[in-house]
Amino acid sequence: MIKLKIKKGDNVKIITGDDKGKTGNVIKVFLEVRKILVKGVNEKKKHQKPTKEKKGGIITIERPIDISNVVKLLDAKVEKKIEKKLEPKKVEKKIEEKKTTKIEKRKKKSKKWN
């Protein structure tokens, strides 16, 4: 039996992929393949063929996400730490009288040229 820290009903934040930064509630956990189903995240379109019971058409369904791509949200402090880690950084070194100090600078988001 595989033990996971994320359980059904937990709030999680996506840290990588197309839905990076989104938060959601865990609907289901797949232990064997280490994936989880999160409400409102990683939605895909599916073409449904009509049957006697169901009407056909295009429906949206949630697809499972790997556990390594999410982090469990406990409180506001954890959220702030995660947001800081996601921001790009630039380290500048200064040499002052035989001492080196590192200064972190936040990068400005680059603009996309059309």
PDB file of N, CA and C in Angstrom:
ATOM      1  N   MET A   1       0.838  -1.182   0.000  1.00  0.00           N
ATOM      2  CA  MET A   1       0.000   0.000   0.000  1.00  0.00           C
ATOM      3  C   MET A   1       0.882   1.244   0.000  1.00  0.00           C
ATOM      4  N   ILE A   2       0.625   2.150  -0.895  1.00  0.00           N
ATOM      5  CA  ILE A   2       1.371   3.396  -1.003  1.00  0.00           C
ATOM      6  C   ILE A   2       0.743   4.429  -0.077  1.00  0.00           C
ATOM      7  N   LYS A   3       1.592   5.135   0.686  1.00  0.00           N
ATOM      8  CA  LYS A   3       1.107   6.163   1.592  1.00  0.00           C
ATOM      9  C   LYS A   3       1.351   7.531   0.962  1.00  0.00           C
ATOM     10  N   LEU A   4       0.312   8.340   0.870  1.00  0.00           N
ATOM     11  CA  LEU A   4       0.411   9.671   0.284  1.00  0.00           C
ATOM     12  C   LEU A   4      -0.027  10.711   1.298  1.00  0.00           C
ATOM     13  N   LYS A   5       0.547  11.909   1.192  1.00  0.00           N
ATOM     14  CA  LYS A   5       0.193  12.994   2.106  1.00  0.00           C
ATOM     15  C   LYS A   5      -1.088  13.704   1.687  1.00  0.00           C
ATOM     16  N   ILE A   6      -1.468  13.567   0.424  1.00  0.00           N
ATOM     17  CA  ILE A   6      -2.669  14.242  -0.083  1.00  0.00           C
ATOM     18  C   ILE A   6      -3.847  13.269  -0.033  1.00  0.00           C
ATOM     19  N   LYS A   7      -4.917  13.711   0.576  1.00  0.00           N
ATOM     20  CA  LYS A   7      -6.118  12.885   0.736  1.00  0.00           C
ATOM     21  C   LYS A   7      -7.305  13.530   0.026  1.00  0.00           C
ATOM     22  N   LYS A   8      -8.380  12.764  -0.092  1.00  0.00           N
ATOM     23  CA  LYS A   8      -9.622  13.264  -0.682  1.00  0.00           C
ATOM     24  C   LYS A   8     -10.167  14.399   0.181  1.00  0.00           C
ATOM     25  N   GLY A   9     -10.535  15.525  -0.463  1.00  0.00           N
ATOM     26  CA  GLY A   9     -11.096  16.669   0.253  1.00  0.00           C
ATOM     27  C   GLY A   9     -10.078  17.748   0.573  1.00  0.00           C
ATOM     28  N   ASP A  10      -8.783  17.502   0.339  1.00  0.00           N
ATOM     29  CA  ASP A  10      -7.748  18.503   0.599  1.00  0.00           C
ATOM     30  C   ASP A  10      -7.754  19.591  -0.467  1.00  0.00           C
ATOM     31  N   ASN A  11      -7.350  20.808  -0.068  1.00  0.00           N
ATOM     32  CA  ASN A  11      -7.160  21.885  -1.027  1.00  0.00           C
ATOM     33  C   ASN A  11      -5.724  21.837  -1.510  1.00  0.00           C
ATOM     34  N   VAL A  12      -5.530  21.882  -2.837  1.00  0.00           N
ATOM     35  CA  VAL A  12      -4.195  21.818  -3.414  1.00  0.00           C
ATOM     36  C   VAL A  12      -3.993  22.944  -4.415  1.00  0.00           C
ATOM     37  N   LYS A  13      -2.728  23.282  -4.666  1.00  0.00           N
ATOM     38  CA  LYS A  13      -2.374  24.287  -5.663  1.00  0.00           C
ATOM     39  C   LYS A  13      -1.475  23.630  -6.701  1.00  0.00           C
ATOM     40  N   ILE A  14      -1.743  23.914  -7.982  1.00  0.00           N
ATOM     41  CA  ILE A  14      -0.958  23.352  -9.070  1.00  0.00           C
ATOM     42  C   ILE A  14       0.315  24.181  -9.211  1.00  0.00           C
ATOM     43  N   ILE A  15       1.486  23.522  -9.246  1.00  0.00           N
ATOM     44  CA  ILE A  15       2.754  24.252  -9.328  1.00  0.00           C
ATOM     45  C   ILE A  15       3.434  24.122 -10.682  1.00  0.00           C
ATOM     46  N   THR A  16       3.005  23.185 -11.525  1.00  0.00           N
ATOM     47  CA  THR A  16       3.575  23.062 -12.870  1.00  0.00           C
ATOM     48  C   THR A  16       2.480  22.712 -13.866  1.00  0.00           C
ATOM     49  N   GLY A  17       2.761  22.947 -15.134  1.00  0.00           N
ATOM     50  CA  GLY A  17       1.820  22.571 -16.184  1.00  0.00           C
ATOM     51  C   GLY A  17       0.986  23.733 -16.684  1.00  0.00           C
ATOM     52  N   ASP A  18      -0.010  23.404 -17.509  1.00  0.00           N
ATOM     53  CA  ASP A  18      -0.873  24.410 -18.122  1.00  0.00           C
ATOM     54  C   ASP A  18      -1.733  25.148 -17.090  1.00  0.00           C
ATOM     55  N   ASP A  19      -2.121  24.464 -16.030  1.00  0.00           N
ATOM     56  CA  ASP A  19      -2.988  25.051 -15.009  1.00  0.00           C
ATOM     57  C   ASP A  19      -2.197  25.569 -13.811  1.00  0.00           C
ATOM     58  N   LYS A  20      -0.967  25.993 -14.026  1.00  0.00           N
ATOM     59  CA  LYS A  20      -0.086  26.463 -12.953  1.00  0.00           C
ATOM     60  C   LYS A  20      -0.721  27.646 -12.221  1.00  0.00           C
ATOM     61  N   GLY A  21      -0.742  27.567 -10.886  1.00  0.00           N
ATOM     62  CA  GLY A  21      -1.294  28.643 -10.073  1.00  0.00           C
ATOM     63  C   GLY A  21      -2.745  28.437  -9.658  1.00  0.00           C
ATOM     64  N   LYS A  22      -3.459  27.528 -10.308  1.00  0.00           N
ATOM     65  CA  LYS A  22      -4.856  27.279  -9.960  1.00  0.00           C
ATOM     66  C   LYS A  22      -4.942  26.448  -8.681  1.00  0.00           C
ATOM     67  N   THR A  23      -6.028  26.640  -7.957  1.00  0.00           N
ATOM     68  CA  THR A  23      -6.279  25.855  -6.758  1.00  0.00           C
ATOM     69  C   THR A  23      -7.577  25.091  -6.930  1.00  0.00           C
ATOM     70  N   GLY A  24      -7.688  23.993  -6.209  1.00  0.00           N
ATOM     71  CA  GLY A  24      -8.897  23.190  -6.296  1.00  0.00           C
ATOM     72  C   GLY A  24      -8.981  22.179  -5.181  1.00  0.00           C
ATOM     73  N   ASN A  25     -10.080  21.456  -5.167  1.00  0.00           N
ATOM     74  CA  ASN A  25     -10.360  20.463  -4.142  1.00  0.00           C
ATOM     75  C   ASN A  25     -10.150  19.069  -4.737  1.00  0.00           C
ATOM     76  N   VAL A  26      -9.505  18.172  -3.994  1.00  0.00           N
ATOM     77  CA  VAL A  26      -9.241  16.813  -4.476  1.00  0.00           C
ATOM     78  C   VAL A  26     -10.529  16.010  -4.444  1.00  0.00           C
ATOM     79  N   ILE A  27     -10.888  15.451  -5.602  1.00  0.00           N
ATOM     80  CA  ILE A  27     -12.109  14.648  -5.718  1.00  0.00           C
ATOM     81  C   ILE A  27     -11.810  13.174  -5.462  1.00  0.00           C
ATOM     82  N   LYS A  28     -10.697  12.689  -6.068  1.00  0.00           N
ATOM     83  CA  LYS A  28     -10.371  11.274  -5.972  1.00  0.00           C
ATOM     84  C   LYS A  28      -8.862  11.101  -6.023  1.00  0.00           C
ATOM     85  N   VAL A  29      -8.339  10.081  -5.338  1.00  0.00           N
ATOM     86  CA  VAL A  29      -6.913   9.770  -5.321  1.00  0.00           C
ATOM     87  C   VAL A  29      -6.712   8.388  -5.924  1.00  0.00           C
ATOM     88  N   PHE A  30      -5.800   8.280  -6.909  1.00  0.00           N
ATOM     89  CA  PHE A  30      -5.444   7.008  -7.527  1.00  0.00           C
ATOM     90  C   PHE A  30      -4.070   6.596  -6.983  1.00  0.00           C
ATOM     91  N   LEU A  31      -4.056   5.678  -6.007  1.00  0.00           N
ATOM     92  CA  LEU A  31      -2.825   5.323  -5.306  1.00  0.00           C
ATOM     93  C   LEU A  31      -1.804   4.613  -6.200  1.00  0.00           C
ATOM     94  N   GLU A  32      -2.246   3.664  -7.005  1.00  0.00           N
ATOM     95  CA  GLU A  32      -1.331   2.828  -7.782  1.00  0.00           C
ATOM     96  C   GLU A  32      -0.542   3.636  -8.813  1.00  0.00           C
ATOM     97  N   VAL A  33      -1.167   4.635  -9.428  1.00  0.00           N
ATOM     98  CA  VAL A  33      -0.506   5.423 -10.480  1.00  0.00           C
ATOM     99  C   VAL A  33      -0.043   6.788  -9.971  1.00  0.00           C
ATOM    100  N   ARG A  34      -0.214   7.067  -8.650  1.00  0.00           N
ATOM    101  CA  ARG A  34       0.223   8.317  -8.004  1.00  0.00           C
ATOM    102  C   ARG A  34      -0.356   9.555  -8.697  1.00  0.00           C
ATOM    103  N   LYS A  35      -1.662   9.524  -8.936  1.00  0.00           N
ATOM    104  CA  LYS A  35      -2.352  10.652  -9.565  1.00  0.00           C
ATOM    105  C   LYS A  35      -3.564  11.031  -8.735  1.00  0.00           C
ATOM    106  N   ILE A  36      -3.986  12.299  -8.904  1.00  0.00           N
ATOM    107  CA  ILE A  36      -5.183  12.781  -8.207  1.00  0.00           C
ATOM    108  C   ILE A  36      -6.095  13.497  -9.194  1.00  0.00           C
ATOM    109  N   LEU A  37      -7.370  13.535  -8.847  1.00  0.00           N
ATOM    110  CA  LEU A  37      -8.368  14.230  -9.645  1.00  0.00           C
ATOM    111  C   LEU A  37      -8.767  15.480  -8.872  1.00  0.00           C
ATOM    112  N   VAL A  38      -8.552  16.668  -9.476  1.00  0.00           N
ATOM    113  CA  VAL A  38      -8.832  17.940  -8.818  1.00  0.00           C
ATOM    114  C   VAL A  38      -9.989  18.625  -9.531  1.00  0.00           C
ATOM    115  N   LYS A  39     -10.937  19.139  -8.746  1.00  0.00           N
ATOM    116  CA  LYS A  39     -12.130  19.779  -9.308  1.00  0.00           C
ATOM    117  C   LYS A  39     -11.761  21.093  -9.998  1.00  0.00           C
ATOM    118  N   GLY A  40     -12.154  21.240 -11.259  1.00  0.00           N
ATOM    119  CA  GLY A  40     -11.947  22.471 -12.013  1.00  0.00           C
ATOM    120  C   GLY A  40     -10.566  22.644 -12.602  1.00  0.00           C
ATOM    121  N   VAL A  41      -9.726  21.613 -12.538  1.00  0.00           N
ATOM    122  CA  VAL A  41      -8.359  21.711 -13.038  1.00  0.00           C
ATOM    123  C   VAL A  41      -8.109  20.584 -14.042  1.00  0.00           C
ATOM    124  N   ASN A  42      -7.317  20.886 -15.076  1.00  0.00           N
ATOM    125  CA  ASN A  42      -6.963  19.929 -16.132  1.00  0.00           C
ATOM    126  C   ASN A  42      -8.210  19.382 -16.829  1.00  0.00           C
ATOM    127  N   GLU A  43      -9.096  20.294 -17.210  1.00  0.00           N
ATOM    128  CA  GLU A  43     -10.326  19.896 -17.890  1.00  0.00           C
ATOM    129  C   GLU A  43     -10.060  19.684 -19.375  1.00  0.00           C
ATOM    130  N   LYS A  44     -10.601  18.602 -19.905  1.00  0.00           N
ATOM    131  CA  LYS A  44     -10.448  18.260 -21.318  1.00  0.00           C
ATOM    132  C   LYS A  44     -11.822  18.067 -21.936  1.00  0.00           C
ATOM    133  N   LYS A  45     -11.909  18.288 -23.238  1.00  0.00           N
ATOM    134  CA  LYS A  45     -13.162  18.089 -23.972  1.00  0.00           C
ATOM    135  C   LYS A  45     -13.217  16.648 -24.469  1.00  0.00           C
ATOM    136  N   LYS A  46     -14.398  16.055 -24.386  1.00  0.00           N
ATOM    137  CA  LYS A  46     -14.598  14.688 -24.852  1.00  0.00           C
ATOM    138  C   LYS A  46     -15.830  14.651 -25.743  1.00  0.00           C
ATOM    139  N   HIS A  47     -15.707  14.009 -26.879  1.00  0.00           N
ATOM    140  CA  HIS A  47     -16.831  13.864 -27.798  1.00  0.00           C
ATOM    141  C   HIS A  47     -17.588  12.597 -27.419  1.00  0.00           C
ATOM    142  N   GLN A  48     -18.834  12.786 -26.986  1.00  0.00           N
ATOM    143  CA  GLN A  48     -19.658  11.676 -26.504  1.00  0.00           C
ATOM    144  C   GLN A  48     -20.620  11.234 -27.601  1.00  0.00           C
ATOM    145  N   LYS A  49     -20.606   9.955 -27.900  1.00  0.00           N
ATOM    146  CA  LYS A  49     -21.523   9.397 -28.895  1.00  0.00           C
ATOM    147  C   LYS A  49     -22.895   9.169 -28.238  1.00  0.00           C
ATOM    148  N   PRO A  50     -23.980   9.519 -28.912  1.00  0.00           N
ATOM    149  CA  PRO A  50     -25.295   9.344 -28.288  1.00  0.00           C
ATOM    150  C   PRO A  50     -25.664   7.867 -28.109  1.00  0.00           C
ATOM    151  N   THR A  51     -26.275   7.577 -26.973  1.00  0.00           N
ATOM    152  CA  THR A  51     -26.783   6.231 -26.695  1.00  0.00           C
ATOM    153  C   THR A  51     -28.252   6.353 -26.303  1.00  0.00           C
ATOM    154  N   LYS A  52     -28.864   5.228 -25.922  1.00  0.00           N
ATOM    155  CA  LYS A  52     -30.268   5.263 -25.517  1.00  0.00           C
ATOM    156  C   LYS A  52     -30.464   6.066 -24.227  1.00  0.00           C
ATOM    157  N   GLU A  53     -29.470   5.964 -23.309  1.00  0.00           N
ATOM    158  CA  GLU A  53     -29.589   6.643 -22.027  1.00  0.00           C
ATOM    159  C   GLU A  53     -29.059   8.079 -22.061  1.00  0.00           C
ATOM    160  N   LYS A  54     -27.951   8.306 -22.774  1.00  0.00           N
ATOM    161  CA  LYS A  54     -27.294   9.604 -22.741  1.00  0.00           C
ATOM    162  C   LYS A  54     -27.376  10.316 -24.085  1.00  0.00           C
ATOM    163  N   LYS A  55     -27.439  11.649 -23.991  1.00  0.00           N
ATOM    164  CA  LYS A  55     -27.443  12.479 -25.174  1.00  0.00           C
ATOM    165  C   LYS A  55     -25.991  12.684 -25.624  1.00  0.00           C
ATOM    166  N   GLY A  56     -25.766  12.728 -26.881  1.00  0.00           N
ATOM    167  CA  GLY A  56     -24.421  12.916 -27.414  1.00  0.00           C
ATOM    168  C   GLY A  56     -24.014  14.381 -27.414  1.00  0.00           C
ATOM    169  N   GLY A  57     -22.743  14.646 -27.718  1.00  0.00           N
ATOM    170  CA  GLY A  57     -22.249  16.014 -27.774  1.00  0.00           C
ATOM    171  C   GLY A  57     -20.850  16.116 -27.190  1.00  0.00           C
ATOM    172  N   ILE A  58     -20.399  17.332 -27.023  1.00  0.00           N
ATOM    173  CA  ILE A  58     -19.074  17.584 -26.462  1.00  0.00           C
ATOM    174  C   ILE A  58     -19.233  17.900 -24.979  1.00  0.00           C
ATOM    175  N   ILE A  59     -18.554  17.120 -24.139  1.00  0.00           N
ATOM    176  CA  ILE A  59     -18.618  17.334 -22.704  1.00  0.00           C
ATOM    177  C   ILE A  59     -17.205  17.619 -22.178  1.00  0.00           C
ATOM    178  N   THR A  60     -17.118  18.317 -21.040  1.00  0.00           N
ATOM    179  CA  THR A  60     -15.816  18.569 -20.423  1.00  0.00           C
ATOM    180  C   THR A  60     -15.685  17.695 -19.184  1.00  0.00           C
ATOM    181  N   ILE A  61     -14.507  17.061 -19.055  1.00  0.00           N
ATOM    182  CA  ILE A  61     -14.234  16.207 -17.912  1.00  0.00           C
ATOM    183  C   ILE A  61     -12.877  16.559 -17.325  1.00  0.00           C
ATOM    184  N   GLU A  62     -12.716  16.326 -16.018  1.00  0.00           N
ATOM    185  CA  GLU A  62     -11.421  16.530 -15.374  1.00  0.00           C
ATOM    186  C   GLU A  62     -10.571  15.295 -15.590  1.00  0.00           C
ATOM    187  N   ARG A  63      -9.288  15.522 -15.862  1.00  0.00           N
ATOM    188  CA  ARG A  63      -8.335  14.437 -16.042  1.00  0.00           C
ATOM    189  C   ARG A  63      -7.389  14.405 -14.842  1.00  0.00           C
ATOM    190  N   PRO A  64      -6.855  13.236 -14.498  1.00  0.00           N
ATOM    191  CA  PRO A  64      -5.956  13.146 -13.342  1.00  0.00           C
ATOM    192  C   PRO A  64      -4.639  13.896 -13.555  1.00  0.00           C
ATOM    193  N   ILE A  65      -4.062  14.375 -12.451  1.00  0.00           N
ATOM    194  CA  ILE A  65      -2.783  15.087 -12.440  1.00  0.00           C
ATOM    195  C   ILE A  65      -1.830  14.309 -11.547  1.00  0.00           C
ATOM    196  N   ASP A  66      -0.558  14.277 -11.920  1.00  0.00           N
ATOM    197  CA  ASP A  66       0.449  13.608 -11.107  1.00  0.00           C
ATOM    198  C   ASP A  66       0.618  14.339  -9.775  1.00  0.00           C
ATOM    199  N   ILE A  67       0.847  13.583  -8.726  1.00  0.00           N
ATOM    200  CA  ILE A  67       0.944  14.157  -7.384  1.00  0.00           C
ATOM    201  C   ILE A  67       2.126  15.099  -7.257  1.00  0.00           C
ATOM    202  N   SER A  68       3.189  14.856  -8.022  1.00  0.00           N
ATOM    203  CA  SER A  68       4.370  15.721  -7.935  1.00  0.00           C
ATOM    204  C   SER A  68       4.112  17.119  -8.476  1.00  0.00           C
ATOM    205  N   ASN A  69       3.028  17.326  -9.206  1.00  0.00           N
ATOM    206  CA  ASN A  69       2.708  18.623  -9.793  1.00  0.00           C
ATOM    207  C   ASN A  69       1.815  19.486  -8.915  1.00  0.00           C
ATOM    208  N   VAL A  70       1.483  19.012  -7.724  1.00  0.00           N
ATOM    209  CA  VAL A  70       0.621  19.780  -6.824  1.00  0.00           C
ATOM    210  C   VAL A  70       1.261  19.889  -5.451  1.00  0.00           C
ATOM    211  N   VAL A  71       0.806  20.883  -4.682  1.00  0.00           N
ATOM    212  CA  VAL A  71       1.241  21.040  -3.297  1.00  0.00           C
ATOM    213  C   VAL A  71      -0.003  21.277  -2.453  1.00  0.00           C
ATOM    214  N   LYS A  72       0.011  20.682  -1.266  1.00  0.00           N
ATOM    215  CA  LYS A  72      -1.126  20.789  -0.354  1.00  0.00           C
ATOM    216  C   LYS A  72      -1.118  22.154   0.321  1.00  0.00           C
ATOM    217  N   LEU A  73      -2.274  22.818   0.332  1.00  0.00           N
ATOM    218  CA  LEU A  73      -2.389  24.122   0.969  1.00  0.00           C
ATOM    219  C   LEU A  73      -2.907  23.943   2.394  1.00  0.00           C
ATOM    220  N   LEU A  74      -2.150  24.450   3.344  1.00  0.00           N
ATOM    221  CA  LEU A  74      -2.554  24.351   4.741  1.00  0.00           C
ATOM    222  C   LEU A  74      -3.131  25.662   5.247  1.00  0.00           C
ATOM    223  N   ASP A  75      -2.432  26.761   4.950  1.00  0.00           N
ATOM    224  CA  ASP A  75      -2.902  28.065   5.396  1.00  0.00           C
ATOM    225  C   ASP A  75      -2.269  29.150   4.528  1.00  0.00           C
ATOM    226  N   ALA A  76      -2.488  30.386   4.879  1.00  0.00           N
ATOM    227  CA  ALA A  76      -2.018  31.520   4.074  1.00  0.00           C
ATOM    228  C   ALA A  76      -0.496  31.611   4.046  1.00  0.00           C
ATOM    229  N   LYS A  77       0.186  31.209   5.130  1.00  0.00           N
ATOM    230  CA  LYS A  77       1.641  31.279   5.166  1.00  0.00           C
ATOM    231  C   LYS A  77       2.266  30.376   4.114  1.00  0.00           C
ATOM    232  N   VAL A  78       1.711  29.193   3.961  1.00  0.00           N
ATOM    233  CA  VAL A  78       2.222  28.253   2.972  1.00  0.00           C
ATOM    234  C   VAL A  78       2.017  28.810   1.568  1.00  0.00           C
ATOM    235  N   GLU A  79       0.867  29.416   1.324  1.00  0.00           N
ATOM    236  CA  GLU A  79       0.585  29.995   0.010  1.00  0.00           C
ATOM    237  C   GLU A  79       1.605  31.067  -0.350  1.00  0.00           C
ATOM    238  N   LYS A  80       1.952  31.938   0.599  1.00  0.00           N
ATOM    239  CA  LYS A  80       2.913  33.000   0.329  1.00  0.00           C
ATOM    240  C   LYS A  80       4.289  32.432   0.008  1.00  0.00           C
ATOM    241  N   LYS A  81       4.698  31.394   0.709  1.00  0.00           N
ATOM    242  CA  LYS A  81       5.990  30.767   0.448  1.00  0.00           C
ATOM    243  C   LYS A  81       6.027  30.163  -0.949  1.00  0.00           C
ATOM    244  N   ILE A  82       4.935  29.548  -1.342  1.00  0.00           N
ATOM    245  CA  ILE A  82       4.860  28.921  -2.660  1.00  0.00           C
ATOM    246  C   ILE A  82       4.927  29.984  -3.749  1.00  0.00           C
ATOM    247  N   GLU A  83       4.199  31.088  -3.572  1.00  0.00           N
ATOM    248  CA  GLU A  83       4.220  32.158  -4.563  1.00  0.00           C
ATOM    249  C   GLU A  83       5.610  32.762  -4.703  1.00  0.00           C
ATOM    250  N   LYS A  84       6.328  32.898  -3.592  1.00  0.00           N
ATOM    251  CA  LYS A  84       7.686  33.428  -3.659  1.00  0.00           C
ATOM    252  C   LYS A  84       8.601  32.496  -4.427  1.00  0.00           C
ATOM    253  N   LYS A  85       8.441  31.190  -4.230  1.00  0.00           N
ATOM    254  CA  LYS A  85       9.281  30.221  -4.926  1.00  0.00           C
ATOM    255  C   LYS A  85       8.996  30.210  -6.427  1.00  0.00           C
ATOM    256  N   LEU A  86       7.753  30.461  -6.813  1.00  0.00           N
ATOM    257  CA  LEU A  86       7.378  30.427  -8.217  1.00  0.00           C
ATOM    258  C   LEU A  86       7.878  31.653  -8.986  1.00  0.00           C
ATOM    259  N   GLU A  87       8.137  32.766  -8.263  1.00  0.00           N
ATOM    260  CA  GLU A  87       8.619  33.977  -8.931  1.00  0.00           C
ATOM    261  C   GLU A  87      10.055  33.768  -9.403  1.00  0.00           C
ATOM    262  N   PRO A  88      10.384  34.222 -10.618  1.00  0.00           N
ATOM    263  CA  PRO A  88      11.767  34.110 -11.089  1.00  0.00           C
ATOM    264  C   PRO A  88      12.688  35.045 -10.305  1.00  0.00           C
ATOM    265  N   LYS A  89      13.900  34.582 -10.056  1.00  0.00           N
ATOM    266  CA  LYS A  89      14.853  35.372  -9.283  1.00  0.00           C
ATOM    267  C   LYS A  89      16.141  35.580 -10.074  1.00  0.00           C
ATOM    268  N   LYS A  90      16.871  36.619  -9.697  1.00  0.00           N
ATOM    269  CA  LYS A  90      18.183  36.886 -10.261  1.00  0.00           C
ATOM    270  C   LYS A  90      19.095  37.231  -9.082  1.00  0.00           C
ATOM    271  N   VAL A  91      20.240  36.575  -9.005  1.00  0.00           N
ATOM    272  CA  VAL A  91      21.158  36.796  -7.893  1.00  0.00           C
ATOM    273  C   VAL A  91      22.325  37.649  -8.383  1.00  0.00           C
ATOM    274  N   GLU A  92      22.604  38.705  -7.637  1.00  0.00           N
ATOM    275  CA  GLU A  92      23.704  39.602  -7.969  1.00  0.00           C
ATOM    276  C   GLU A  92      24.736  39.509  -6.855  1.00  0.00           C
ATOM    277  N   LYS A  93      26.022  39.369  -7.223  1.00  0.00           N
ATOM    278  CA  LYS A  93      27.091  39.267  -6.232  1.00  0.00           C
ATOM    279  C   LYS A  93      27.793  40.606  -6.094  1.00  0.00           C
ATOM    280  N   LYS A  94      28.053  40.989  -4.850  1.00  0.00           N
ATOM    281  CA  LYS A  94      28.801  42.211  -4.572  1.00  0.00           C
ATOM    282  C   LYS A  94      30.035  41.841  -3.763  1.00  0.00           C
ATOM    283  N   ILE A  95      31.169  42.417  -4.129  1.00  0.00           N
ATOM    284  CA  ILE A  95      32.408  42.168  -3.406  1.00  0.00           C
ATOM    285  C   ILE A  95      32.788  43.452  -2.670  1.00  0.00           C
ATOM    286  N   GLU A  96      32.828  43.359  -1.349  1.00  0.00           N
ATOM    287  CA  GLU A  96      33.188  44.513  -0.531  1.00  0.00           C
ATOM    288  C   GLU A  96      34.269  44.103   0.469  1.00  0.00           C
ATOM    289  N   GLU A  97      35.440  44.614   0.312  1.00  0.00           N
ATOM    290  CA  GLU A  97      36.554  44.397   1.232  1.00  0.00           C
ATOM    291  C   GLU A  97      36.697  42.934   1.659  1.00  0.00           C
ATOM    292  N   LYS A  98      37.004  42.076   0.727  1.00  0.00           N
ATOM    293  CA  LYS A  98      37.257  40.647   0.934  1.00  0.00           C
ATOM    294  C   LYS A  98      36.021  39.867   1.388  1.00  0.00           C
ATOM    295  N   LYS A  99      34.829  40.430   1.243  1.00  0.00           N
ATOM    296  CA  LYS A  99      33.596  39.727   1.573  1.00  0.00           C
ATOM    297  C   LYS A  99      32.679  39.757   0.356  1.00  0.00           C
ATOM    298  N   THR A 100      32.085  38.631   0.075  1.00  0.00           N
ATOM    299  CA  THR A 100      31.107  38.588  -1.012  1.00  0.00           C
ATOM    300  C   THR A 100      29.713  38.443  -0.419  1.00  0.00           C
ATOM    301  N   THR A 101      28.802  39.220  -0.920  1.00  0.00           N
ATOM    302  CA  THR A 101      27.410  39.142  -0.484  1.00  0.00           C
ATOM    303  C   THR A 101      26.524  38.902  -1.687  1.00  0.00           C
ATOM    304  N   LYS A 102      25.472  38.139  -1.487  1.00  0.00           N
ATOM    305  CA  LYS A 102      24.530  37.865  -2.560  1.00  0.00           C
ATOM    306  C   LYS A 102      23.255  38.655  -2.318  1.00  0.00           C
ATOM    307  N   ILE A 103      22.778  39.304  -3.366  1.00  0.00           N
ATOM    308  CA  ILE A 103      21.544  40.084  -3.292  1.00  0.00           C
ATOM    309  C   ILE A 103      20.564  39.492  -4.299  1.00  0.00           C
ATOM    310  N   GLU A 104      19.376  39.152  -3.817  1.00  0.00           N
ATOM    311  CA  GLU A 104      18.354  38.617  -4.709  1.00  0.00           C
ATOM    312  C   GLU A 104      17.537  39.753  -5.288  1.00  0.00           C
ATOM    313  N   LYS A 105      17.334  39.686  -6.592  1.00  0.00           N
ATOM    314  CA  LYS A 105      16.487  40.668  -7.264  1.00  0.00           C
ATOM    315  C   LYS A 105      15.353  39.927  -7.942  1.00  0.00           C
ATOM    316  N   ARG A 106      14.182  40.479  -7.839  1.00  0.00           N
ATOM    317  CA  ARG A 106      13.036  39.899  -8.530  1.00  0.00           C
ATOM    318  C   ARG A 106      13.062  40.366  -9.976  1.00  0.00           C
ATOM    319  N   LYS A 107      12.921  39.395 -10.875  1.00  0.00           N
ATOM    320  CA  LYS A 107      12.907  39.740 -12.298  1.00  0.00           C
ATOM    321  C   LYS A 107      11.556  40.340 -12.663  1.00  0.00           C
ATOM    322  N   LYS A 108      11.593  41.277 -13.580  1.00  0.00           N
ATOM    323  CA  LYS A 108      10.347  41.792 -14.133  1.00  0.00           C
ATOM    324  C   LYS A 108       9.902  40.809 -15.212  1.00  0.00           C
ATOM    325  N   LYS A 109       8.618  40.595 -15.278  1.00  0.00           N
ATOM    326  CA  LYS A 109       8.115  39.654 -16.271  1.00  0.00           C
ATOM    327  C   LYS A 109       8.371  40.222 -17.672  1.00  0.00           C
ATOM    328  N   SER A 110       8.945  39.359 -18.513  1.00  0.00           N
ATOM    329  CA  SER A 110       9.301  39.821 -19.848  1.00  0.00           C
ATOM    330  C   SER A 110       8.043  39.943 -20.720  1.00  0.00           C
ATOM    331  N   LYS A 111       8.079  40.895 -21.632  1.00  0.00           N
ATOM    332  CA  LYS A 111       6.963  41.096 -22.540  1.00  0.00           C
ATOM    333  C   LYS A 111       7.180  40.245 -23.776  1.00  0.00           C
ATOM    334  N   LYS A 112       6.122  39.695 -24.287  1.00  0.00           N
ATOM    335  CA  LYS A 112       6.201  38.904 -25.514  1.00  0.00           C
ATOM    336  C   LYS A 112       6.076  39.826 -26.715  1.00  0.00           C
ATOM    337  N   TRP A 113       6.964  39.644 -27.632  1.00  0.00           N
ATOM    338  CA  TRP A 113       6.933  40.451 -28.858  1.00  0.00           C
ATOM    339  C   TRP A 113       6.102  39.731 -29.899  1.00  0.00           C
ATOM    340  N   ASN A 114       5.241  40.492 -30.586  1.00  0.00           N
ATOM    341  CA  ASN A 114       4.380  39.912 -31.624  1.00  0.00           C
ATOM    342  C   ASN A 114       5.071  39.924 -32.955  1.00  0.00           C
TER     343      ASN A 114
END
